Full PDB file with SEQRES, HELIX, SHEET, SSBOND, CRYST1, ORIGX, SCALE, CONECT and MASTER records, all heavy atoms in Angstrom:
SEQRES   1 A   37  ALA ASP GLU LYS LEU PHE ALA SER LEU ILE LYS LYS GLY          
SEQRES   2 A   37  PHE CYS TYR GLN MET ILE LYS LYS MET LEU PRO LEU SER          
SEQRES   3 A   37  ASP TYR SER LEU GLN ASN GLN LYS LYS GLY SER                  
HELIX    1 AA1 ASP A    2  LYS A   11  1                                  10    
HELIX    2 AA2 TYR A   16  MET A   22  1                                   7    
HELIX    3 AA3 LEU A   23  LEU A   25  5                                   3    
HELIX    4 AA4 ASP A   27  GLN A   33  1                                   7    
CRYST1    1.000    1.000    1.000  90.00  90.00  90.00 P 1           1          
ORIGX1      1.000000  0.000000  0.000000        0.00000                         
ORIGX2      0.000000  1.000000  0.000000        0.00000                         
ORIGX3      0.000000  0.000000  1.000000        0.00000                         
SCALE1      1.000000  0.000000  0.000000        0.00000                         
SCALE2      0.000000  1.000000  0.000000        0.00000                         
SCALE3      0.000000  0.000000  1.000000        0.00000                         
ATOM      1  N   ALA A   1     -19.539  16.611-187.555  1.00  0.00           N  
ATOM      2  CA  ALA A   1     -20.553  17.660-187.707  1.00  0.00           C  
ATOM      3  C   ALA A   1     -19.863  19.020-187.761  1.00  0.00           C  
ATOM      4  O   ALA A   1     -18.974  19.310-186.958  1.00  0.00           O  
ATOM      5  CB  ALA A   1     -21.542  17.620-186.555  1.00  0.00           C  
ATOM      6  N   ASP A   2     -20.286  19.873-188.719  1.00  0.00           N  
ATOM      7  CA  ASP A   2     -19.647  21.179-188.890  1.00  0.00           C  
ATOM      8  C   ASP A   2     -19.623  21.976-187.602  1.00  0.00           C  
ATOM      9  O   ASP A   2     -18.602  22.546-187.215  1.00  0.00           O  
ATOM     10  CB  ASP A   2     -20.386  21.989-189.964  1.00  0.00           C  
ATOM     11  CG  ASP A   2     -20.181  21.405-191.349  1.00  0.00           C  
ATOM     12  OD1 ASP A   2     -19.439  20.414-191.474  1.00  0.00           O  
ATOM     13  OD2 ASP A   2     -20.771  21.949-192.299  1.00  0.00           O  
ATOM     14  N   GLU A   3     -20.753  22.031-186.898  1.00  0.00           N  
ATOM     15  CA  GLU A   3     -20.870  22.857-185.698  1.00  0.00           C  
ATOM     16  C   GLU A   3     -19.919  22.377-184.603  1.00  0.00           C  
ATOM     17  O   GLU A   3     -19.248  23.170-183.935  1.00  0.00           O  
ATOM     18  CB  GLU A   3     -22.316  22.845-185.174  1.00  0.00           C  
ATOM     19  CG  GLU A   3     -23.341  23.454-186.107  1.00  0.00           C  
ATOM     20  CD  GLU A   3     -23.790  22.499-187.215  1.00  0.00           C  
ATOM     21  OE1 GLU A   3     -23.335  21.322-187.210  1.00  0.00           O  
ATOM     22  OE2 GLU A   3     -24.569  22.941-188.085  1.00  0.00           O  
ATOM     23  N   LYS A   4     -19.840  21.065-184.434  1.00  0.00           N  
ATOM     24  CA  LYS A   4     -18.953  20.511-183.411  1.00  0.00           C  
ATOM     25  C   LYS A   4     -17.491  20.734-183.765  1.00  0.00           C  
ATOM     26  O   LYS A   4     -16.653  20.998-182.895  1.00  0.00           O  
ATOM     27  CB  LYS A   4     -19.226  19.019-183.234  1.00  0.00           C  
ATOM     28  CG  LYS A   4     -20.554  18.707-182.566  1.00  0.00           C  
ATOM     29  CD  LYS A   4     -20.706  17.212-182.342  1.00  0.00           C  
ATOM     30  CE  LYS A   4     -22.019  16.899-181.633  1.00  0.00           C  
ATOM     31  NZ  LYS A   4     -22.190  15.444-181.393  1.00  0.00           N  
ATOM     32  N   LEU A   5     -17.172  20.649-185.039  1.00  0.00           N  
ATOM     33  CA  LEU A   5     -15.794  20.861-185.469  1.00  0.00           C  
ATOM     34  C   LEU A   5     -15.366  22.302-185.214  1.00  0.00           C  
ATOM     35  O   LEU A   5     -14.295  22.555-184.662  1.00  0.00           O  
ATOM     36  CB  LEU A   5     -15.633  20.519-186.946  1.00  0.00           C  
ATOM     37  CG  LEU A   5     -14.213  20.706-187.502  1.00  0.00           C  
ATOM     38  CD1 LEU A   5     -13.254  19.743-186.811  1.00  0.00           C  
ATOM     39  CD2 LEU A   5     -14.183  20.479-189.002  1.00  0.00           C  
ATOM     40  N   PHE A   6     -16.218  23.243-185.611  1.00  0.00           N  
ATOM     41  CA  PHE A   6     -15.897  24.652-185.382  1.00  0.00           C  
ATOM     42  C   PHE A   6     -15.742  24.936-183.895  1.00  0.00           C  
ATOM     43  O   PHE A   6     -14.810  25.634-183.472  1.00  0.00           O  
ATOM     44  CB  PHE A   6     -16.980  25.549-185.992  1.00  0.00           C  
ATOM     45  CG  PHE A   6     -16.709  25.956-187.406  1.00  0.00           C  
ATOM     46  CD1 PHE A   6     -17.089  25.139-188.459  1.00  0.00           C  
ATOM     47  CD2 PHE A   6     -16.046  27.133-187.691  1.00  0.00           C  
ATOM     48  CE1 PHE A   6     -16.832  25.502-189.770  1.00  0.00           C  
ATOM     49  CE2 PHE A   6     -15.783  27.509-189.004  1.00  0.00           C  
ATOM     50  CZ  PHE A   6     -16.177  26.694-190.051  1.00  0.00           C  
ATOM     51  N   ALA A   7     -16.648  24.394-183.088  1.00  0.00           N  
ATOM     52  CA  ALA A   7     -16.584  24.624-181.645  1.00  0.00           C  
ATOM     53  C   ALA A   7     -15.290  24.072-181.061  1.00  0.00           C  
ATOM     54  O   ALA A   7     -14.638  24.703-180.216  1.00  0.00           O  
ATOM     55  CB  ALA A   7     -17.790  23.978-180.957  1.00  0.00           C  
ATOM     56  N   SER A   8     -14.896  22.888-181.543  1.00  0.00           N  
ATOM     57  CA  SER A   8     -13.673  22.260-181.065  1.00  0.00           C  
ATOM     58  C   SER A   8     -12.439  23.080-181.425  1.00  0.00           C  
ATOM     59  O   SER A   8     -11.546  23.293-180.596  1.00  0.00           O  
ATOM     60  CB  SER A   8     -13.550  20.852-181.663  1.00  0.00           C  
ATOM     61  OG  SER A   8     -12.298  20.271-181.354  1.00  0.00           O  
ATOM     62  N   LEU A   9     -12.400  23.588-182.641  1.00  0.00           N  
ATOM     63  CA  LEU A   9     -11.234  24.337-183.099  1.00  0.00           C  
ATOM     64  C   LEU A   9     -11.147  25.720-182.475  1.00  0.00           C  
ATOM     65  O   LEU A   9     -10.057  26.225-182.190  1.00  0.00           O  
ATOM     66  CB  LEU A   9     -11.251  24.434-184.626  1.00  0.00           C  
ATOM     67  CG  LEU A   9     -11.050  23.090-185.341  1.00  0.00           C  
ATOM     68  CD1 LEU A   9     -11.343  23.224-186.827  1.00  0.00           C  
ATOM     69  CD2 LEU A   9      -9.642  22.569-185.119  1.00  0.00           C  
ATOM     70  N   ILE A  10     -12.285  26.335-182.271  1.00  0.00           N  
ATOM     71  CA  ILE A  10     -12.280  27.640-181.590  1.00  0.00           C  
ATOM     72  C   ILE A  10     -11.794  27.467-180.157  1.00  0.00           C  
ATOM     73  O   ILE A  10     -11.046  28.295-179.631  1.00  0.00           O  
ATOM     74  CB  ILE A  10     -13.682  28.267-181.644  1.00  0.00           C  
ATOM     75  CG1 ILE A  10     -13.964  28.755-183.074  1.00  0.00           C  
ATOM     76  CG2 ILE A  10     -13.803  29.434-180.651  1.00  0.00           C  
ATOM     77  CD1 ILE A  10     -15.367  29.256-183.304  1.00  0.00           C  
ATOM     78  N   LYS A  11     -12.196  26.368-179.512  1.00  0.00           N  
ATOM     79  CA  LYS A  11     -11.720  26.072-178.160  1.00  0.00           C  
ATOM     80  C   LYS A  11     -10.206  25.878-178.146  1.00  0.00           C  
ATOM     81  O   LYS A  11      -9.546  26.184-177.146  1.00  0.00           O  
ATOM     82  CB  LYS A  11     -12.419  24.821-177.634  1.00  0.00           C  
ATOM     83  CG  LYS A  11     -12.099  24.495-176.183  1.00  0.00           C  
ATOM     84  CD  LYS A  11     -12.895  23.295-175.702  1.00  0.00           C  
ATOM     85  CE  LYS A  11     -12.583  22.987-174.242  1.00  0.00           C  
ATOM     86  NZ  LYS A  11     -13.346  21.820-173.743  1.00  0.00           N  
ATOM     87  N   LYS A  12      -9.656  25.400-179.252  1.00  0.00           N  
ATOM     88  CA  LYS A  12      -8.209  25.191-179.346  1.00  0.00           C  
ATOM     89  C   LYS A  12      -7.457  26.479-179.687  1.00  0.00           C  
ATOM     90  O   LYS A  12      -6.239  26.476-179.833  1.00  0.00           O  
ATOM     91  CB  LYS A  12      -7.901  24.122-180.388  1.00  0.00           C  
ATOM     92  CG  LYS A  12      -8.308  22.705-179.953  1.00  0.00           C  
ATOM     93  CD  LYS A  12      -7.933  21.682-181.016  1.00  0.00           C  
ATOM     94  CE  LYS A  12      -8.342  20.276-180.578  1.00  0.00           C  
ATOM     95  NZ  LYS A  12      -7.597  19.832-179.380  1.00  0.00           N  
ATOM     96  N   GLY A  13      -8.201  27.575-179.842  1.00  0.00           N  
ATOM     97  CA  GLY A  13      -7.538  28.865-180.002  1.00  0.00           C  
ATOM     98  C   GLY A  13      -7.400  29.384-181.407  1.00  0.00           C  
ATOM     99  O   GLY A  13      -6.674  30.354-181.651  1.00  0.00           O  
ATOM    100  N   PHE A  14      -8.091  28.760-182.378  1.00  0.00           N  
ATOM    101  CA  PHE A  14      -8.047  29.244-183.759  1.00  0.00           C  
ATOM    102  C   PHE A  14      -9.254  30.132-184.018  1.00  0.00           C  
ATOM    103  O   PHE A  14     -10.366  29.846-183.554  1.00  0.00           O  
ATOM    104  CB  PHE A  14      -8.041  28.065-184.740  1.00  0.00           C  
ATOM    105  CG  PHE A  14      -6.875  27.137-184.562  1.00  0.00           C  
ATOM    106  CD1 PHE A  14      -7.037  25.887-183.959  1.00  0.00           C  
ATOM    107  CD2 PHE A  14      -5.603  27.509-184.970  1.00  0.00           C  
ATOM    108  CE1 PHE A  14      -5.967  25.020-183.777  1.00  0.00           C  
ATOM    109  CE2 PHE A  14      -4.515  26.652-184.794  1.00  0.00           C  
ATOM    110  CZ  PHE A  14      -4.704  25.406-184.195  1.00  0.00           C  
ATOM    111  N   CYS A  15      -9.052  31.201-184.775  1.00  0.00           N  
ATOM    112  CA  CYS A  15     -10.159  32.112-185.057  1.00  0.00           C  
ATOM    113  C   CYS A  15     -11.042  31.541-186.178  1.00  0.00           C  
ATOM    114  O   CYS A  15     -10.616  30.694-186.961  1.00  0.00           O  
ATOM    115  CB  CYS A  15      -9.641  33.489-185.441  1.00  0.00           C  
ATOM    116  SG  CYS A  15      -8.787  33.554-187.037  1.00  0.00           S  
ATOM    117  N   TYR A  16     -12.269  32.025-186.239  1.00  0.00           N  
ATOM    118  CA  TYR A  16     -13.255  31.510-187.192  1.00  0.00           C  
ATOM    119  C   TYR A  16     -12.748  31.616-188.628  1.00  0.00           C  
ATOM    120  O   TYR A  16     -12.876  30.674-189.418  1.00  0.00           O  
ATOM    121  CB  TYR A  16     -14.564  32.283-187.042  1.00  0.00           C  
ATOM    122  CG  TYR A  16     -15.631  31.865-188.017  1.00  0.00           C  
ATOM    123  CD1 TYR A  16     -16.466  30.785-187.756  1.00  0.00           C  
ATOM    124  CD2 TYR A  16     -15.799  32.559-189.224  1.00  0.00           C  
ATOM    125  CE1 TYR A  16     -17.446  30.396-188.664  1.00  0.00           C  
ATOM    126  CE2 TYR A  16     -16.764  32.170-190.141  1.00  0.00           C  
ATOM    127  CZ  TYR A  16     -17.585  31.093-189.853  1.00  0.00           C  
ATOM    128  OH  TYR A  16     -18.548  30.706-190.756  1.00  0.00           O  
ATOM    129  N   GLN A  17     -12.186  32.774-189.003  1.00  0.00           N  
ATOM    130  CA  GLN A  17     -11.746  32.985-190.378  1.00  0.00           C  
ATOM    131  C   GLN A  17     -10.632  32.021-190.775  1.00  0.00           C  
ATOM    132  O   GLN A  17     -10.591  31.537-191.906  1.00  0.00           O  
ATOM    133  CB  GLN A  17     -11.288  34.437-190.566  1.00  0.00           C  
ATOM    134  CG  GLN A  17     -12.419  35.454-190.509  1.00  0.00           C  
ATOM    135  CD  GLN A  17     -13.464  35.185-191.585  1.00  0.00           C  
ATOM    136  OE1 GLN A  17     -13.139  34.787-192.712  1.00  0.00           O  
ATOM    137  NE2 GLN A  17     -14.742  35.402-191.247  1.00  0.00           N  
ATOM    138  N   MET A  18      -9.733  31.724-189.837  1.00  0.00           N  
ATOM    139  CA  MET A  18      -8.653  30.790-190.149  1.00  0.00           C  
ATOM    140  C   MET A  18      -9.206  29.373-190.332  1.00  0.00           C  
ATOM    141  O   MET A  18      -8.793  28.648-191.245  1.00  0.00           O  
ATOM    142  CB  MET A  18      -7.591  30.792-189.044  1.00  0.00           C  
ATOM    143  CG  MET A  18      -6.389  29.895-189.345  1.00  0.00           C  
ATOM    144  SD  MET A  18      -5.112  29.936-188.060  1.00  0.00           S  
ATOM    145  CE  MET A  18      -4.541  31.631-188.220  1.00  0.00           C  
ATOM    146  N   ILE A  19     -10.121  28.991-189.467  1.00  0.00           N  
ATOM    147  CA  ILE A  19     -10.733  27.663-189.592  1.00  0.00           C  
ATOM    148  C   ILE A  19     -11.421  27.526-190.950  1.00  0.00           C  
ATOM    149  O   ILE A  19     -11.247  26.537-191.669  1.00  0.00           O  
ATOM    150  CB  ILE A  19     -11.748  27.419-188.457  1.00  0.00           C  
ATOM    151  CG1 ILE A  19     -11.064  27.489-187.096  1.00  0.00           C  
ATOM    152  CG2 ILE A  19     -12.431  26.063-188.637  1.00  0.00           C  
ATOM    153  CD1 ILE A  19     -12.013  27.542-185.923  1.00  0.00           C  
ATOM    154  N   LYS A  20     -12.199  28.541-191.304  1.00  0.00           N  
ATOM    155  CA  LYS A  20     -12.930  28.532-192.578  1.00  0.00           C  
ATOM    156  C   LYS A  20     -11.965  28.449-193.760  1.00  0.00           C  
ATOM    157  O   LYS A  20     -12.237  27.761-194.757  1.00  0.00           O  
ATOM    158  CB  LYS A  20     -13.791  29.787-192.676  1.00  0.00           C  
ATOM    159  CG  LYS A  20     -14.691  29.830-193.899  1.00  0.00           C  
ATOM    160  CD  LYS A  20     -15.556  31.072-193.865  1.00  0.00           C  
ATOM    161  CE  LYS A  20     -16.424  31.166-195.115  1.00  0.00           C  
ATOM    162  NZ  LYS A  20     -17.259  32.389-195.108  1.00  0.00           N  
ATOM    163  N   LYS A  21     -10.820  29.127-193.647  1.00  0.00           N  
ATOM    164  CA  LYS A  21      -9.831  29.135-194.733  1.00  0.00           C  
ATOM    165  C   LYS A  21      -9.170  27.774-194.897  1.00  0.00           C  
ATOM    166  O   LYS A  21      -8.899  27.333-196.024  1.00  0.00           O  
ATOM    167  CB  LYS A  21      -8.777  30.199-194.449  1.00  0.00           C  
ATOM    168  CG  LYS A  21      -7.670  30.262-195.493  1.00  0.00           C  
ATOM    169  CD  LYS A  21      -6.650  31.352-195.154  1.00  0.00           C  
ATOM    170  CE  LYS A  21      -5.519  31.399-196.168  1.00  0.00           C  
ATOM    171  NZ  LYS A  21      -4.525  32.456-195.833  1.00  0.00           N  
ATOM    172  N   MET A  22      -8.916  27.080-193.791  1.00  0.00           N  
ATOM    173  CA  MET A  22      -8.161  25.833-193.854  1.00  0.00           C  
ATOM    174  C   MET A  22      -9.042  24.605-194.081  1.00  0.00           C  
ATOM    175  O   MET A  22      -8.547  23.561-194.519  1.00  0.00           O  
ATOM    176  CB  MET A  22      -7.345  25.647-192.565  1.00  0.00           C  
ATOM    177  CG  MET A  22      -6.341  26.772-192.300  1.00  0.00           C  
ATOM    178  SD  MET A  22      -5.299  27.190-193.739  1.00  0.00           S  
ATOM    179  CE  MET A  22      -4.358  25.676-193.914  1.00  0.00           C  
ATOM    180  N   LEU A  23     -10.320  24.724-193.815  1.00  0.00           N  
ATOM    181  CA  LEU A  23     -11.214  23.565-193.987  1.00  0.00           C  
ATOM    182  C   LEU A  23     -11.177  22.972-195.398  1.00  0.00           C  
ATOM    183  O   LEU A  23     -11.099  21.741-195.544  1.00  0.00           O  
ATOM    184  CB  LEU A  23     -12.650  23.950-193.614  1.00  0.00           C  
ATOM    185  CG  LEU A  23     -13.044  23.709-192.154  1.00  0.00           C  
ATOM    186  CD1 LEU A  23     -14.388  24.341-191.857  1.00  0.00           C  
ATOM    187  CD2 LEU A  23     -13.078  22.223-191.850  1.00  0.00           C  
ATOM    188  N   PRO A  24     -11.221  23.774-196.448  1.00  0.00           N  
ATOM    189  CA  PRO A  24     -11.204  23.188-197.803  1.00  0.00           C  
ATOM    190  C   PRO A  24      -9.933  22.410-198.123  1.00  0.00           C  
ATOM    191  O   PRO A  24      -9.905  21.619-199.070  1.00  0.00           O  
ATOM    192  CB  PRO A  24     -11.333  24.418-198.715  1.00  0.00           C  
ATOM    193  CG  PRO A  24     -12.005  25.442-197.872  1.00  0.00           C  
ATOM    194  CD  PRO A  24     -11.446  25.224-196.490  1.00  0.00           C  
ATOM    195  N   LEU A  25      -8.861  22.619-197.339  1.00  0.00           N  
ATOM    196  CA  LEU A  25      -7.591  21.930-197.585  1.00  0.00           C  
ATOM    197  C   LEU A  25      -7.458  20.662-196.746  1.00  0.00           C  
ATOM    198  O   LEU A  25      -6.450  19.963-196.847  1.00  0.00           O  
ATOM    199  CB  LEU A  25      -6.424  22.872-197.254  1.00  0.00           C  
ATOM    200  CG  LEU A  25      -6.422  24.225-197.979  1.00  0.00           C  
ATOM    201  CD1 LEU A  25      -5.250  25.070-197.492  1.00  0.00           C  
ATOM    202  CD2 LEU A  25      -6.361  24.027-199.488  1.00  0.00           C  
ATOM    203  N   SER A  26      -8.470  20.363-195.953  1.00  0.00           N  
ATOM    204  CA  SER A  26      -8.363  19.282-194.979  1.00  0.00           C  
ATOM    205  C   SER A  26      -8.977  17.976-195.459  1.00  0.00           C  
ATOM    206  O   SER A  26      -9.747  17.934-196.422  1.00  0.00           O  
ATOM    207  CB  SER A  26      -9.058  19.702-193.678  1.00  0.00           C  
ATOM    208  OG  SER A  26     -10.462  19.767-193.894  1.00  0.00           O  
ATOM    209  N   ASP A  27      -8.649  16.904-194.746  1.00  0.00           N  
ATOM    210  CA  ASP A  27      -9.274  15.605-194.982  1.00  0.00           C  
ATOM    211  C   ASP A  27     -10.769  15.689-194.721  1.00  0.00           C  
ATOM    212  O   ASP A  27     -11.572  15.023-195.375  1.00  0.00           O  
ATOM    213  CB  ASP A  27      -8.658  14.540-194.067  1.00  0.00           C  
ATOM    214  CG  ASP A  27      -7.177  14.319-194.344  1.00  0.00           C  
ATOM    215  OD1 ASP A  27      -6.729  14.642-195.463  1.00  0.00           O  
ATOM    216  OD2 ASP A  27      -6.473  13.829-193.443  1.00  0.00           O  
ATOM    217  N   TYR A  28     -11.130  16.515-193.760  1.00  0.00           N  
ATOM    218  CA  TYR A  28     -12.535  16.710-193.400  1.00  0.00           C  
ATOM    219  C   TYR A  28     -13.336  17.219-194.600  1.00  0.00           C  
ATOM    220  O   TYR A  28     -14.472  16.831-194.827  1.00  0.00           O  
ATOM    221  CB  TYR A  28     -12.608  17.710-192.244  1.00  0.00           C  
ATOM    222  CG  TYR A  28     -14.009  18.049-191.767  1.00  0.00           C  
ATOM    223  CD1 TYR A  28     -14.669  17.220-190.874  1.00  0.00           C  
ATOM    224  CD2 TYR A  28     -14.636  19.213-192.193  1.00  0.00           C  
ATOM    225  CE1 TYR A  28     -15.941  17.535-190.420  1.00  0.00           C  
ATOM    226  CE2 TYR A  28     -15.900  19.539-191.740  1.00  0.00           C  
ATOM    227  CZ  TYR A  28     -16.556  18.701-190.860  1.00  0.00           C  
ATOM    228  OH  TYR A  28     -17.811  19.013-190.416  1.00  0.00           O  
ATOM    229  N   SER A  29     -12.716  18.090-195.389  1.00  0.00           N  
ATOM    230  CA  SER A  29     -13.394  18.681-196.552  1.00  0.00           C  
ATOM    231  C   SER A  29     -13.788  17.610-197.560  1.00  0.00           C  
ATOM    232  O   SER A  29     -14.882  17.653-198.137  1.00  0.00           O  
ATOM    233  CB  SER A  29     -12.492  19.715-197.215  1.00  0.00           C  
ATOM    234  OG  SER A  29     -13.081  20.218-198.391  1.00  0.00           O  
ATOM    235  N   LEU A  30     -12.912  16.640-197.807  1.00  0.00           N  
ATOM    236  CA  LEU A  30     -13.202  15.588-198.784  1.00  0.00           C  
ATOM    237  C   LEU A  30     -14.458  14.815-198.416  1.00  0.00           C  
ATOM    238  O   LEU A  30     -15.260  14.458-199.278  1.00  0.00           O  
ATOM    239  CB  LEU A  30     -12.006  14.634-198.871  1.00  0.00           C  
ATOM    240  CG  LEU A  30     -10.688  15.257-199.342  1.00  0.00           C  
ATOM    241  CD1 LEU A  30      -9.573  14.217-199.298  1.00  0.00           C  
ATOM    242  CD2 LEU A  30     -10.836  15.829-200.749  1.00  0.00           C  
ATOM    243  N   GLN A  31     -14.636  14.586-197.110  1.00  0.00           N  
ATOM    244  CA  GLN A  31     -15.811  13.861-196.646  1.00  0.00           C  
ATOM    245  C   GLN A  31     -17.076  14.686-196.817  1.00  0.00           C  
ATOM    246  O   GLN A  31     -18.115  14.191-197.247  1.00  0.00           O  
ATOM    247  CB  GLN A  31     -15.623  13.496-195.165  1.00  0.00           C  
ATOM    248  CG  GLN A  31     -16.824  12.835-194.496  1.00  0.00           C  
ATOM    249  CD  GLN A  31     -17.054  11.422-194.993  1.00  0.00           C  
ATOM    250  OE1 GLN A  31     -16.134  10.800-195.526  1.00  0.00           O  
ATOM    251  NE2 GLN A  31     -18.266  10.920-194.821  1.00  0.00           N  
ATOM    252  N   ASN A  32     -16.972  15.988-196.502  1.00  0.00           N  
ATOM    253  CA  ASN A  32     -18.168  16.835-196.495  1.00  0.00           C  
ATOM    254  C   ASN A  32     -18.552  17.371-197.870  1.00  0.00           C  
ATOM    255  O   ASN A  32     -19.674  17.836-198.052  1.00  0.00           O  
ATOM    256  CB  ASN A  32     -17.973  17.989-195.511  1.00  0.00           C  
ATOM    257  CG  ASN A  32     -18.164  17.529-194.076  1.00  0.00           C  
ATOM    258  OD1 ASN A  32     -19.280  17.463-193.572  1.00  0.00           O  
ATOM    259  ND2 ASN A  32     -17.058  17.187-193.426  1.00  0.00           N  
ATOM    260  N   GLN A  33     -17.647  17.335-198.822  1.00  0.00           N  
ATOM    261  CA  GLN A  33     -18.007  17.769-200.175  1.00  0.00           C  
ATOM    262  C   GLN A  33     -19.123  16.900-200.737  1.00  0.00           C  
ATOM    263  O   GLN A  33     -19.985  17.371-201.481  1.00  0.00           O  
ATOM    264  CB  GLN A  33     -16.773  17.699-201.085  1.00  0.00           C  
ATOM    265  CG  GLN A  33     -15.822  18.855-200.897  1.00  0.00           C  
ATOM    266  CD  GLN A  33     -14.546  18.687-201.692  1.00  0.00           C  
ATOM    267  OE1 GLN A  33     -14.373  17.703-202.415  1.00  0.00           O  
ATOM    268  NE2 GLN A  33     -13.636  19.647-201.560  1.00  0.00           N  
ATOM    269  N   LYS A  34     -19.127  15.643-200.353  1.00  0.00           N  
ATOM    270  CA  LYS A  34     -20.158  14.745-200.820  1.00  0.00           C  
ATOM    271  C   LYS A  34     -21.524  15.092-200.243  1.00  0.00           C  
ATOM    272  O   LYS A  34     -22.555  14.747-200.789  1.00  0.00           O  
ATOM    273  CB  LYS A  34     -19.785  13.313-200.447  1.00  0.00           C  
ATOM    274  CG  LYS A  34     -18.475  12.834-201.050  1.00  0.00           C  
ATOM    275  CD  LYS A  34     -18.124  11.442-200.563  1.00  0.00           C  
ATOM    276  CE  LYS A  34     -16.791  10.985-201.118  1.00  0.00           C  
ATOM    277  NZ  LYS A  34     -16.424   9.637-200.641  1.00  0.00           N  
ATOM    278  N   LYS A  35     -21.487  15.787-199.069  1.00  0.00           N  
ATOM    279  CA  LYS A  35     -22.744  16.139-198.401  1.00  0.00           C  
ATOM    280  C   LYS A  35     -23.204  17.544-198.754  1.00  0.00           C  
ATOM    281  O   LYS A  35     -24.235  18.017-198.285  1.00  0.00           O  
ATOM    282  CB  LYS A  35     -22.566  16.026-196.885  1.00  0.00           C  
ATOM    283  CG  LYS A  35     -22.166  14.631-196.438  1.00  0.00           C  
ATOM    284  CD  LYS A  35     -21.945  14.623-194.929  1.00  0.00           C  
ATOM    285  CE  LYS A  35     -21.509  13.243-194.457  1.00  0.00           C  
ATOM    286  NZ  LYS A  35     -21.257  13.203-193.004  1.00  0.00           N  
ATOM    287  N   GLY A  36     -22.369  18.261-199.537  1.00  0.00           N  
ATOM    288  CA  GLY A  36     -22.739  19.619-199.932  1.00  0.00           C  
ATOM    289  C   GLY A  36     -22.518  20.673-198.887  1.00  0.00           C  
ATOM    290  O   GLY A  36     -23.094  21.755-198.929  1.00  0.00           O  
ATOM    291  N   SER A  37     -21.657  20.414-197.885  1.00  0.00           N  
ATOM    292  CA  SER A  37     -21.378  21.416-196.844  1.00  0.00           C  
ATOM    293  C   SER A  37     -20.604  22.569-197.460  1.00  0.00           C  
ATOM    294  O   SER A  37     -19.698  22.382-198.265  1.00  0.00           O  
ATOM    295  CB  SER A  37     -20.562  20.809-195.699  1.00  0.00           C  
ATOM    296  OG  SER A  37     -21.329  19.820-195.040  1.00  0.00           O  
TER     297      SER A  37                                                      
MASTER        0    0    0    4    0    0    0    6  296    1    0    3          
END                                                                             
């Protein structure tokens, strides 16, 4: 889930903008492109 992923990564010390920038390059992105996230 997008919300849980962001919450998890922010807890790990990454800022929102960096998370947003790296998501399209991730394995997670391939799964969510099908869902239109």
